[in-house]
Amino acid sequence: MRLQRAYQITRTFLSYGLDEIIPARWLPWSLRVGRYALFWMPNKHKDKPAGARLRLALESLGPVWVKFGQMLSTRRDLLPPDIANELAVLQDRVKAFPGEQAQQLIEKALELVSIDEAFDDFAVQPLASASIAQVHTARLKHGDDAGKDVVIKVIRPDIRTSIDADLRLMETLASVLARHLPDGRRLKPKEVVKEYRKTLLDELDLLREAGNAIQLKRNFENSPLLYIPTVYSDYSRHNVMVMERIDGIPVSDVDTLMTLGVNMKKLAERGVEVFFTQVFRDSFFHADMHPGNIFVSRENPEDPQYLGIDFGIVGTLNREDKRYLAENFLAFFNRDYRKVAELHVDSGWVPSHINVEDFESAIRTVCEPIFNKPLADISFGHVLVNLFNTARRFEMEVQPQLVLLQKTLLYVEGLGRTLYPQLDLWQTAKPFLERWMQEQLGWRAVVRAVKENAPYWAEKLPEMPTLLYDYLQQQRPHANAQQQLLTQLRETQLRQTRALWWAVLTSGLLISTTLLWISQQSIWMVVGSAVLTVASGLFAWRRSH
């Protein structure tokens, strides 16, 4: 199965002529020879531009590859404009499956004889189609929310088979890379694929997505930064989810946003604030923030608010990783490269044997040139290459638990570049992180800890006298037993010391007896020395028992 899928991927790439997109200097001789050996797979789409060929190839390979294209579409600083524009189509305009089939899946999941039992004005034509699912519009028919416009999200049929095949192939390739690449151990490809498998399979469960949406909505309740649509849990199943329909402008439609007079600078800054709020305040963040999932409210253009959808992939951070990240960001913003280097060593991301001074100098060399520059003036492609080389030089290991965060940060940076290229990313994020660190380390942290633990302390306080009495009662026999054991230990040590002294004396007498015998001294002296030796030996043996 894996070989069959590998062959299918190779055939797809070659039939769309994707090998022509890759610069020859990036291809090792073995791959070039392999391409010539497979000359019978010609480029069948020579009439199409490179971007369209790449998009069609990824789309034909399935959801795993479509998601890869979605991420690439946000990196317009790394891709030519024609390719980036084509990949952007993958964000919400993937080829749809028949609406009649979607209706049948919805009716089966909700146990409806006809979809008209629960919804009015169901649109057979999908509103949008993505790699994992597609959505249809309708109107609720019953309950307090009757008449509300909703969207019904339904998972593509038989999608699990293709995903499993791709994931198995990726696991095989990861094992090969881990074994043969010089950086295989540091890059942890198997761990990264394992993490990707978990997030991708989680996205197939719409009940999990509904729970994520409810959590995010609670986190941003009444927030001017982000609005999360209401999920109607009564109509949601593992493969179907019903959610409030929003009326917003796609964040990628910059022309419409500017026509409506949206404050683009504030919008870009709020995007950064939304990201850092989710990561550091909530430890729960939307990890699929590509432009197809982000909209802007039409209300209050001068005070713009984001609208978010598609919550199948979310990320979480534990307290330790969050603390190290915040300290790293702050040290980076303050240009304290020594602190950055030390934090990487302390956290175990860089081995302890690495020279901190050298690591500090390398970080300074990469990062210093990009400060005080807007996004439009920063070559992130050049920065990424330098950071990768630095990581390889200092044996920096990939952190699988941070892969989602890294991907989300790429999306956020890509959005900022699209909305307001003059955005100063550093100055926007720095005040937020400083406030967060003060809350974690200052007097506010102490007050918050007391508030969090006060109910538990109040519950246990009446039990303290009894617990203390029981503890002291239990410790008394333990103390007596320890005292007896200590006394026995001292007696044993004293006995062993005496036995050792007699053993040394016996050894000396034995040597003396031997020397007297060899030197042919008086027989009485030899006998007397021998008797003393035997007596000393017997005494030593008795002392040791």
Protein backbone atom coordinates (compact mmCIF):
# COMPACT_ATOMS: atom_id res chain seq x y z
CA MET A 1 0.00 0.00 0.00
CA ARG A 2 2.80 2.41 0.89
CA LEU A 3 4.72 1.65 -2.30
CA GLN A 4 1.55 2.10 -4.31
CA ARG A 5 0.91 5.49 -2.69
CA ALA A 6 4.54 6.54 -3.17
CA TYR A 7 4.24 5.64 -6.84
CA GLN A 8 0.99 7.61 -7.13
CA ILE A 9 2.60 10.71 -5.56
CA THR A 10 5.63 10.47 -7.82
CA ARG A 11 3.45 10.02 -10.91
CA THR A 12 1.30 13.01 -9.91
CA PHE A 13 4.28 15.29 -9.36
CA LEU A 14 5.87 14.31 -12.66
CA SER A 15 2.65 14.42 -14.69
CA TYR A 16 2.13 18.00 -13.52
CA GLY A 17 5.75 18.87 -14.22
CA LEU A 18 6.52 19.92 -10.67
CA ASP A 19 10.13 18.81 -11.06
CA GLU A 20 10.56 21.77 -13.40
CA ILE A 21 9.69 24.18 -10.56
CA ILE A 22 12.56 22.97 -8.34
CA PRO A 23 15.93 24.57 -9.14
CA ALA A 24 18.37 22.00 -10.49
CA ARG A 25 20.96 22.87 -7.83
CA TRP A 26 18.56 21.68 -5.12
CA LEU A 27 18.18 18.20 -6.67
CA PRO A 28 20.85 15.60 -5.85
CA TRP A 29 22.22 13.58 -8.75
CA SER A 30 20.28 10.48 -7.63
CA LEU A 31 16.93 12.26 -8.07
CA ARG A 32 17.97 13.68 -11.44
CA VAL A 33 18.94 10.20 -12.66
CA GLY A 34 15.64 8.86 -11.35
CA ARG A 35 13.73 11.54 -13.26
CA TYR A 36 15.41 10.63 -16.52
CA ALA A 37 14.74 6.95 -15.84
CA LEU A 38 11.03 7.81 -15.54
CA PHE A 39 10.93 9.75 -18.80
CA TRP A 40 7.76 7.88 -19.70
CA MET A 41 5.87 10.13 -17.25
CA PRO A 42 5.77 13.37 -19.26
CA ASN A 43 4.34 16.70 -18.14
CA LYS A 44 0.70 16.52 -19.25
CA HIS A 45 -0.15 20.10 -18.28
CA LYS A 46 2.40 22.19 -20.12
CA ASP A 47 -0.34 24.63 -21.12
CA LYS A 48 -0.88 25.66 -17.46
CA PRO A 49 1.33 28.00 -15.41
CA ALA A 50 3.51 26.61 -12.63
CA GLY A 51 1.23 27.83 -9.82
CA ALA A 52 -1.87 26.19 -11.29
CA ARG A 53 0.04 22.91 -11.81
CA LEU A 54 1.20 22.90 -8.19
CA ARG A 55 -2.30 23.64 -6.90
CA LEU A 56 -3.92 20.95 -9.04
CA ALA A 57 -1.29 18.39 -8.03
CA LEU A 58 -1.75 19.05 -4.30
CA GLU A 59 -5.52 19.04 -4.68
CA SER A 60 -5.48 15.69 -6.50
CA LEU A 61 -3.30 14.11 -3.78
CA GLY A 62 -5.82 14.74 -1.02
CA PRO A 63 -6.28 16.61 2.27
CA VAL A 64 -2.80 16.05 3.73
CA TRP A 65 -1.22 17.75 0.73
CA VAL A 66 -3.90 20.41 0.46
CA LYS A 67 -3.14 21.51 4.01
CA PHE A 68 0.53 21.73 3.11
CA GLY A 69 -0.43 24.01 0.22
CA GLN A 70 -2.58 26.13 2.53
CA MET A 71 0.40 26.81 4.76
CA LEU A 72 2.62 27.66 1.81
CA SER A 73 0.03 30.13 0.52
CA THR A 74 0.63 32.41 3.50
CA ARG A 75 4.37 32.68 2.78
CA ARG A 76 4.27 35.22 -0.03
CA ASP A 77 7.77 36.37 0.89
CA LEU A 78 9.08 32.88 0.01
CA LEU A 79 7.03 32.20 -3.12
CA PRO A 80 6.52 33.99 -6.44
CA PRO A 81 3.18 35.90 -6.52
CA ASP A 82 1.62 33.64 -9.19
CA ILE A 83 2.25 30.48 -7.15
CA ALA A 84 1.08 32.09 -3.88
CA ASN A 85 -2.15 33.29 -5.53
CA GLU A 86 -2.91 29.84 -6.90
CA LEU A 87 -2.25 28.12 -3.57
CA ALA A 88 -4.59 30.59 -1.86
CA VAL A 89 -7.42 28.91 -3.79
CA LEU A 90 -6.89 25.83 -1.62
CA GLN A 91 -7.99 27.72 1.49
CA ASP A 92 -11.72 27.51 0.82
CA ARG A 93 -12.29 26.63 -2.82
CA VAL A 94 -11.26 22.98 -3.03
CA LYS A 95 -13.32 20.94 -5.50
CA ALA A 96 -16.62 20.07 -3.81
CA PHE A 97 -18.32 16.70 -3.65
CA PRO A 98 -22.01 16.49 -4.71
CA GLY A 99 -24.43 18.44 -2.51
CA GLU A 100 -27.00 15.65 -2.73
CA GLN A 101 -24.47 13.29 -1.16
CA ALA A 102 -23.79 15.84 1.59
CA GLN A 103 -27.54 16.05 2.27
CA GLN A 104 -27.75 12.27 2.63
CA LEU A 105 -24.83 12.28 5.09
CA ILE A 106 -26.52 15.00 7.17
CA GLU A 107 -29.86 13.18 7.23
CA LYS A 108 -28.18 9.93 8.27
CA ALA A 109 -26.11 11.56 11.01
CA LEU A 110 -29.10 13.45 12.49
CA GLU A 111 -31.48 10.50 11.93
CA LEU A 112 -33.82 12.53 9.72
CA VAL A 113 -36.17 11.12 7.12
CA SER A 114 -35.82 14.41 5.27
CA ILE A 115 -33.60 17.40 5.94
CA ASP A 116 -36.74 19.57 5.96
CA GLU A 117 -37.58 18.13 9.38
CA ALA A 118 -34.88 20.25 11.03
CA PHE A 119 -33.89 22.93 8.52
CA ASP A 120 -35.46 25.34 6.09
CA ASP A 121 -33.87 26.61 2.88
CA PHE A 122 -31.09 24.01 2.79
CA ALA A 123 -28.73 24.93 -0.07
CA VAL A 124 -27.61 21.92 -2.06
CA GLN A 125 -24.86 24.03 -3.59
CA PRO A 126 -22.05 24.27 -0.99
CA LEU A 127 -21.07 27.66 0.36
CA ALA A 128 -17.41 26.66 0.62
CA SER A 129 -15.36 23.52 0.21
CA ALA A 130 -12.15 22.70 2.05
CA SER A 131 -9.77 19.76 2.25
CA ILE A 132 -11.54 17.92 5.07
CA ALA A 133 -15.16 19.07 4.82
CA GLN A 134 -17.56 21.39 3.05
CA VAL A 135 -20.36 23.63 4.33
CA HIS A 136 -23.93 24.26 3.26
CA THR A 137 -26.26 27.05 4.34
CA ALA A 138 -29.67 26.53 5.94
CA ARG A 139 -32.04 28.01 8.53
CA LEU A 140 -33.04 26.47 11.87
CA LYS A 141 -36.64 25.33 11.96
CA HIS A 142 -37.34 24.67 15.64
CA GLY A 143 -36.54 25.90 19.14
CA ASP A 144 -35.62 29.29 20.55
CA ASP A 145 -33.26 29.89 17.63
CA ALA A 146 -35.80 29.12 14.93
CA GLY A 147 -35.19 31.25 11.86
CA LYS A 148 -31.46 31.71 12.59
CA ASP A 149 -29.17 31.39 9.59
CA VAL A 150 -26.69 28.54 10.06
CA VAL A 151 -24.00 26.67 8.18
CA ILE A 152 -23.85 22.88 8.24
CA LYS A 153 -20.38 21.40 8.05
CA VAL A 154 -20.09 17.82 6.83
CA ILE A 155 -16.97 15.64 6.57
CA ARG A 156 -16.06 14.39 3.10
CA PRO A 157 -17.10 10.77 2.52
CA ASP A 158 -14.43 8.03 2.64
CA ILE A 159 -11.71 10.56 3.47
CA ARG A 160 -10.14 8.45 6.23
CA THR A 161 -8.77 5.90 3.74
CA SER A 162 -6.69 8.43 1.80
CA ILE A 163 -5.49 10.13 4.99
CA ASP A 164 -4.35 6.83 6.51
CA ALA A 165 -2.44 5.96 3.33
CA ASP A 166 -0.63 9.30 3.28
CA LEU A 167 0.16 9.18 6.98
CA ARG A 168 1.64 5.69 6.69
CA LEU A 169 3.81 6.87 3.83
CA MET A 170 4.89 9.94 5.79
CA GLU A 171 5.83 7.72 8.75
CA THR A 172 7.96 5.54 6.47
CA LEU A 173 9.70 8.57 4.96
CA ALA A 174 10.24 10.00 8.45
CA SER A 175 11.92 6.78 9.58
CA VAL A 176 14.22 6.87 6.56
CA LEU A 177 15.10 10.52 7.16
CA ALA A 178 15.74 9.92 10.86
CA ARG A 179 18.09 7.07 10.03
CA HIS A 180 20.04 8.53 7.12
CA LEU A 181 20.01 12.32 7.39
CA PRO A 182 22.89 13.89 9.36
CA ASP A 183 20.28 16.06 11.12
CA GLY A 184 17.79 13.22 11.53
CA ARG A 185 18.06 12.98 15.31
CA ARG A 186 17.86 16.74 15.83
CA LEU A 187 14.93 17.32 13.47
CA LYS A 188 12.88 14.46 15.03
CA PRO A 189 10.88 13.69 11.86
CA LYS A 190 9.12 10.69 13.41
CA GLU A 191 7.92 12.71 16.39
CA VAL A 192 6.75 15.54 14.11
CA VAL A 193 4.76 13.12 11.92
CA LYS A 194 3.26 11.54 15.04
CA GLU A 195 2.12 14.96 16.23
CA TYR A 196 0.74 15.77 12.77
CA ARG A 197 -1.18 12.47 12.72
CA LYS A 198 -2.87 13.33 16.00
CA THR A 199 -3.92 16.82 14.92
CA LEU A 200 -5.14 15.68 11.50
CA LEU A 201 -7.22 12.82 12.88
CA ASP A 202 -8.64 15.10 15.56
CA GLU A 203 -9.86 17.36 12.77
CA LEU A 204 -12.02 14.53 11.43
CA ASP A 205 -14.11 14.57 14.63
CA LEU A 206 -16.57 17.47 14.44
CA LEU A 207 -17.75 16.91 18.01
CA ARG A 208 -14.21 17.71 19.09
CA GLU A 209 -14.26 20.80 16.87
CA ALA A 210 -17.56 21.87 18.42
CA GLY A 211 -15.99 21.61 21.88
CA ASN A 212 -13.01 23.66 20.72
CA ALA A 213 -15.31 26.36 19.35
CA ILE A 214 -17.27 26.54 22.60
CA GLN A 215 -14.04 26.88 24.60
CA LEU A 216 -12.68 29.65 22.34
CA LYS A 217 -16.01 31.49 22.47
CA ARG A 218 -15.90 31.42 26.26
CA ASN A 219 -12.31 32.68 26.26
CA PHE A 220 -13.24 35.67 24.06
CA GLU A 221 -16.72 36.38 25.42
CA ASN A 222 -17.57 40.08 24.81
CA SER A 223 -14.06 40.71 23.44
CA PRO A 224 -13.54 43.44 20.83
CA LEU A 225 -10.70 41.39 19.34
CA LEU A 226 -12.37 38.17 18.19
CA TYR A 227 -15.88 36.80 17.75
CA ILE A 228 -16.54 33.05 17.67
CA PRO A 229 -19.87 31.89 16.17
CA THR A 230 -22.33 29.93 18.29
CA VAL A 231 -22.30 26.15 17.88
CA TYR A 232 -25.64 24.33 18.06
CA SER A 233 -24.59 21.18 19.89
CA ASP A 234 -27.99 19.47 19.58
CA TYR A 235 -27.47 19.25 15.83
CA SER A 236 -23.80 18.22 15.91
CA ARG A 237 -22.36 14.74 15.44
CA HIS A 238 -18.94 13.21 14.70
CA ASN A 239 -19.26 14.02 10.99
CA VAL A 240 -21.74 16.93 11.07
CA MET A 241 -21.64 20.28 12.88
CA VAL A 242 -24.17 23.12 12.81
CA MET A 243 -22.93 26.63 13.59
CA GLU A 244 -24.17 30.22 13.43
CA ARG A 245 -23.62 31.81 10.02
CA ILE A 246 -21.46 34.93 10.09
CA ASP A 247 -21.41 37.85 7.69
CA GLY A 248 -17.83 39.00 7.34
CA ILE A 249 -15.21 40.01 4.82
CA PRO A 250 -12.45 37.49 4.07
CA VAL A 251 -9.27 38.82 5.64
CA SER A 252 -7.47 38.24 2.34
CA ASP A 253 -9.86 40.64 0.50
CA VAL A 254 -7.71 43.68 1.21
CA ASP A 255 -9.36 45.82 -1.51
CA THR A 256 -12.83 45.46 0.06
CA LEU A 257 -11.45 46.13 3.53
CA MET A 258 -9.80 49.34 2.37
CA THR A 259 -12.90 50.40 0.45
CA LEU A 260 -14.96 50.09 3.65
CA GLY A 261 -12.39 52.22 5.50
CA VAL A 262 -11.15 49.50 7.84
CA ASN A 263 -8.26 50.65 10.03
CA MET A 264 -5.65 48.29 8.58
CA LYS A 265 -2.93 49.14 11.09
CA LYS A 266 -5.22 48.41 14.03
CA LEU A 267 -6.49 45.26 12.33
CA ALA A 268 -2.95 43.92 11.87
CA GLU A 269 -1.99 44.79 15.46
CA ARG A 270 -5.10 43.07 16.77
CA GLY A 271 -4.18 39.95 14.83
CA VAL A 272 -0.88 39.81 16.72
CA GLU A 273 -2.69 40.48 20.02
CA VAL A 274 -5.22 37.71 19.35
CA PHE A 275 -2.40 35.25 18.78
CA PHE A 276 -0.45 36.14 21.93
CA THR A 277 -3.65 36.27 24.02
CA GLN A 278 -4.60 32.75 22.98
CA VAL A 279 -1.10 31.37 23.57
CA PHE A 280 -0.04 33.07 26.80
CA ARG A 281 -3.29 33.97 28.54
CA ASP A 282 -5.39 30.92 27.64
CA SER A 283 -2.80 28.29 26.62
CA PHE A 284 -5.40 27.29 24.02
CA PHE A 285 -5.01 28.64 20.50
CA HIS A 286 -6.58 28.32 17.06
CA ALA A 287 -3.84 26.50 15.14
CA ASP A 288 -5.30 26.78 11.63
CA MET A 289 -5.46 30.54 11.16
CA HIS A 290 -4.96 30.68 7.41
CA PRO A 291 -6.88 33.44 5.54
CA GLY A 292 -9.70 31.08 4.54
CA ASN A 293 -10.66 30.71 8.22
CA ILE A 294 -10.45 34.36 9.26
CA PHE A 295 -12.96 37.11 8.46
CA VAL A 296 -13.42 40.74 9.50
CA SER A 297 -16.71 42.14 10.82
CA ARG A 298 -18.42 44.72 8.64
CA GLU A 299 -19.36 46.72 11.73
CA ASN A 300 -17.14 49.49 13.17
CA PRO A 301 -14.43 49.70 10.48
CA GLU A 302 -12.37 51.98 12.75
CA ASP A 303 -12.53 49.41 15.52
CA PRO A 304 -12.31 46.17 13.52
CA GLN A 305 -13.10 42.78 14.99
CA TYR A 306 -11.99 39.37 13.70
CA LEU A 307 -14.43 36.53 13.07
CA GLY A 308 -13.03 33.02 13.32
CA ILE A 309 -14.23 29.69 11.92
CA ASP A 310 -12.90 26.12 11.53
CA PHE A 311 -11.65 25.01 14.94
CA GLY A 312 -10.64 21.46 14.09
CA ILE A 313 -6.99 22.09 14.99
CA VAL A 314 -6.15 23.77 18.27
CA GLY A 315 -2.92 23.82 20.21
CA THR A 316 -2.10 23.86 23.90
CA LEU A 317 1.07 24.61 25.86
CA ASN A 318 2.05 23.49 29.33
CA ARG A 319 3.17 26.05 31.90
CA GLU A 320 6.87 25.30 31.48
CA ASP A 321 6.91 25.68 27.67
CA LYS A 322 4.80 28.83 27.92
CA ARG A 323 7.15 30.39 30.45
CA TYR A 324 10.26 29.60 28.39
CA LEU A 325 8.61 30.96 25.24
CA ALA A 326 7.62 34.22 26.90
CA GLU A 327 11.09 34.71 28.36
CA ASN A 328 12.66 33.94 24.98
CA PHE A 329 10.40 36.41 23.18
CA LEU A 330 11.10 39.16 25.71
CA ALA A 331 14.84 38.57 25.66
CA PHE A 332 14.71 38.61 21.88
CA PHE A 333 12.71 41.86 21.77
CA ASN A 334 15.19 43.41 24.24
CA ARG A 335 18.10 42.14 22.12
CA ASP A 336 19.43 40.22 25.10
CA TYR A 337 20.96 37.45 23.02
CA ARG A 338 22.90 36.09 25.98
CA LYS A 339 19.61 35.47 27.77
CA VAL A 340 18.16 33.80 24.66
CA ALA A 341 21.17 31.45 24.47
CA GLU A 342 21.02 30.60 28.18
CA LEU A 343 17.27 29.93 28.04
CA HIS A 344 17.73 27.51 25.16
CA VAL A 345 20.36 25.61 27.14
CA ASP A 346 18.33 25.69 30.39
CA SER A 347 15.22 24.36 28.64
CA GLY A 348 17.17 21.51 27.04
CA TRP A 349 16.47 22.70 23.49
CA VAL A 350 20.24 23.01 23.02
CA PRO A 351 22.70 20.50 24.60
CA SER A 352 24.48 21.67 27.76
CA HIS A 353 27.94 21.14 26.25
CA ILE A 354 27.35 23.92 23.69
CA ASN A 355 29.44 27.05 24.21
CA VAL A 356 26.96 29.75 25.28
CA GLU A 357 29.17 32.61 24.06
CA ASP A 358 29.38 31.14 20.56
CA PHE A 359 25.64 30.47 20.50
CA GLU A 360 24.94 34.04 21.62
CA SER A 361 27.15 35.44 18.86
CA ALA A 362 25.40 33.30 16.22
CA ILE A 363 21.94 34.44 17.33
CA ARG A 364 23.05 38.08 17.26
CA THR A 365 24.39 37.67 13.75
CA VAL A 366 21.05 36.35 12.48
CA CYS A 367 18.63 38.56 14.41
CA GLU A 368 20.22 41.98 14.76
CA PRO A 369 19.80 43.03 11.10
CA ILE A 370 15.99 42.61 11.18
CA PHE A 371 15.21 44.87 14.14
CA ASN A 372 13.49 48.21 13.67
CA LYS A 373 12.28 47.16 10.25
CA PRO A 374 8.68 46.75 9.10
CA LEU A 375 7.61 43.38 7.74
CA ALA A 376 7.83 44.67 4.16
CA ASP A 377 11.58 45.28 4.54
CA ILE A 378 12.47 41.94 6.14
CA SER A 379 13.60 38.99 4.03
CA PHE A 380 12.21 36.18 6.15
CA GLY A 381 13.40 33.64 3.62
CA HIS A 382 16.98 34.75 4.28
CA VAL A 383 16.36 34.82 8.05
CA LEU A 384 14.87 31.31 8.04
CA VAL A 385 17.84 29.90 6.13
CA ASN A 386 20.27 31.47 8.59
CA LEU A 387 18.30 30.28 11.61
CA PHE A 388 18.23 26.74 10.22
CA ASN A 389 21.98 26.77 9.72
CA THR A 390 22.44 28.10 13.25
CA ALA A 391 20.19 25.40 14.67
CA ARG A 392 22.14 22.70 12.85
CA ARG A 393 25.48 24.08 14.00
CA PHE A 394 24.47 24.12 17.67
CA GLU A 395 22.56 20.81 17.63
CA MET A 396 19.24 22.48 18.42
CA GLU A 397 16.49 19.86 18.56
CA VAL A 398 13.03 20.27 17.07
CA GLN A 399 10.33 20.50 19.76
CA PRO A 400 7.35 18.48 18.46
CA GLN A 401 4.97 20.08 20.97
CA LEU A 402 5.74 23.48 19.41
CA VAL A 403 5.16 22.52 15.78
CA LEU A 404 1.54 23.78 15.80
CA LEU A 405 2.63 27.01 17.44
CA GLN A 406 5.33 27.56 14.82
CA LYS A 407 2.82 26.95 12.01
CA THR A 408 0.32 29.35 13.58
CA LEU A 409 2.99 32.02 13.98
CA LEU A 410 3.75 31.69 10.26
CA TYR A 411 0.06 32.24 9.49
CA VAL A 412 -0.10 35.31 11.75
CA GLU A 413 3.04 36.81 10.22
CA GLY A 414 1.65 36.13 6.74
CA LEU A 415 -1.63 37.88 7.64
CA GLY A 416 0.26 40.85 9.05
CA ARG A 417 2.29 41.16 5.86
CA THR A 418 -0.90 41.08 3.76
CA LEU A 419 -2.89 43.58 5.85
CA TYR A 420 -0.28 46.14 6.86
CA PRO A 421 3.27 45.57 5.60
CA GLN A 422 4.55 48.46 7.73
CA LEU A 423 3.55 46.65 10.93
CA ASP A 424 6.30 46.61 13.56
CA LEU A 425 5.81 43.08 14.83
CA TRP A 426 8.25 43.50 17.71
CA GLN A 427 6.82 46.68 19.18
CA THR A 428 3.27 45.32 18.87
CA ALA A 429 4.01 42.10 20.76
CA LYS A 430 6.51 43.36 23.35
CA PRO A 431 4.08 45.31 25.65
CA PHE A 432 1.70 42.36 25.77
CA LEU A 433 4.45 39.94 26.79
CA GLU A 434 5.81 42.36 29.39
CA ARG A 435 2.37 42.61 31.00
CA TRP A 436 2.00 38.84 30.93
CA MET A 437 5.39 38.28 32.57
CA GLN A 438 4.57 40.81 35.29
CA GLU A 439 1.36 38.92 36.00
CA GLN A 440 3.30 35.65 36.21
CA LEU A 441 6.16 36.90 38.40
CA GLY A 442 4.95 40.00 40.24
CA TRP A 443 2.58 40.59 43.15
CA ARG A 444 -0.38 39.87 40.86
CA ALA A 445 0.88 36.31 40.52
CA VAL A 446 0.97 35.94 44.32
CA VAL A 447 -2.58 37.30 44.68
CA ARG A 448 -3.85 35.05 41.90
CA ALA A 449 -2.19 31.98 43.46
CA VAL A 450 -3.80 32.77 46.82
CA LYS A 451 -7.21 33.19 45.16
CA GLU A 452 -6.85 29.92 43.27
CA ASN A 453 -5.78 27.93 46.33
CA ALA A 454 -7.96 29.65 48.95
CA PRO A 455 -10.99 27.31 48.52
CA TYR A 456 -8.77 24.24 48.91
CA TRP A 457 -7.01 25.69 51.95
CA ALA A 458 -10.36 26.63 53.52
CA GLU A 459 -11.61 23.08 52.98
CA LYS A 460 -8.55 21.46 54.56
CA LEU A 461 -8.00 23.93 57.43
CA PRO A 462 -10.49 22.32 59.88
CA GLU A 463 -8.75 18.97 59.35
CA MET A 464 -5.28 20.30 60.16
CA PRO A 465 -5.26 19.59 63.96
CA THR A 466 -6.39 15.99 63.44
CA LEU A 467 -3.92 15.47 60.61
CA LEU A 468 -1.08 16.91 62.73
CA TYR A 469 -1.98 14.69 65.72
CA ASP A 470 -2.14 11.57 63.52
CA TYR A 471 1.20 12.45 61.98
CA LEU A 472 2.89 12.85 65.38
CA GLN A 473 1.39 9.57 66.62
CA GLN A 474 2.72 7.77 63.57
CA GLN A 475 6.15 9.33 63.92
CA ARG A 476 6.69 8.18 67.58
CA PRO A 477 7.14 4.42 66.87
CA HIS A 478 9.17 5.32 63.80
CA ALA A 479 11.47 7.46 65.94
CA ASN A 480 11.95 4.63 68.51
CA ALA A 481 12.69 2.13 65.78
CA GLN A 482 15.19 4.51 64.17
CA GLN A 483 16.92 5.03 67.55
CA GLN A 484 17.25 1.27 68.08
CA LEU A 485 18.56 0.81 64.57
CA LEU A 486 21.11 3.60 65.10
CA THR A 487 22.31 1.96 68.35
CA GLN A 488 22.73 -1.39 66.63
CA LEU A 489 24.61 0.26 63.82
CA ARG A 490 27.04 1.94 66.23
CA GLU A 491 27.67 -1.38 68.07
CA THR A 492 28.31 -3.15 64.76
CA GLN A 493 30.75 -0.46 63.64
CA LEU A 494 32.63 -0.65 66.99
CA ARG A 495 32.85 -4.45 66.80
CA GLN A 496 34.11 -4.31 63.23
CA THR A 497 36.72 -1.71 64.15
CA ARG A 498 38.08 -3.90 66.98
CA ALA A 499 38.09 -6.97 64.75
CA LEU A 500 40.00 -5.02 62.11
CA TRP A 501 42.61 -3.97 64.70
CA TRP A 502 43.15 -7.60 65.82
CA ALA A 503 43.32 -8.72 62.19
CA VAL A 504 46.10 -6.21 61.50
CA LEU A 505 47.95 -7.39 64.63
CA THR A 506 47.57 -11.03 63.54
CA SER A 507 48.96 -10.21 60.10
CA GLY A 508 51.98 -8.51 61.67
CA LEU A 509 52.67 -11.46 63.96
CA LEU A 510 52.35 -13.85 61.04
CA ILE A 511 54.91 -11.88 59.07
CA SER A 512 57.23 -11.78 62.10
CA THR A 513 56.94 -15.57 62.60
CA THR A 514 57.77 -16.13 58.93
CA LEU A 515 60.81 -13.87 59.10
CA LEU A 516 62.06 -15.62 62.31
CA TRP A 517 61.70 -19.01 60.63
CA ILE A 518 63.52 -17.86 57.49
CA SER A 519 66.37 -16.29 59.48
CA GLN A 520 66.79 -19.59 61.48
CA GLN A 521 66.28 -17.98 64.87
CA SER A 522 65.84 -19.97 68.07
CA ILE A 523 63.09 -22.55 67.81
CA TRP A 524 61.54 -21.23 71.03
CA MET A 525 61.25 -17.71 69.54
CA VAL A 526 59.57 -19.12 66.43
CA VAL A 527 57.17 -21.25 68.50
CA GLY A 528 56.37 -18.35 70.80
CA SER A 529 55.67 -16.05 67.87
CA ALA A 530 53.48 -18.70 66.23
CA VAL A 531 51.47 -19.18 69.45
CA LEU A 532 50.90 -15.41 69.71
CA THR A 533 49.81 -15.34 66.04
CA VAL A 534 47.25 -18.12 66.54
CA ALA A 535 45.95 -16.53 69.73
CA SER A 536 45.61 -13.14 68.01
CA GLY A 537 43.81 -14.72 65.06
CA LEU A 538 41.35 -16.52 67.33
CA PHE A 539 40.69 -13.31 69.23
CA ALA A 540 40.11 -11.39 65.97
CA TRP A 541 37.68 -14.05 64.74
CA ARG A 542 35.78 -13.94 68.03
CA ARG A 543 35.54 -10.13 67.90
CA SER A 544 34.04 -10.24 64.42
CA HIS A 545 31.18 -12.54 65.46
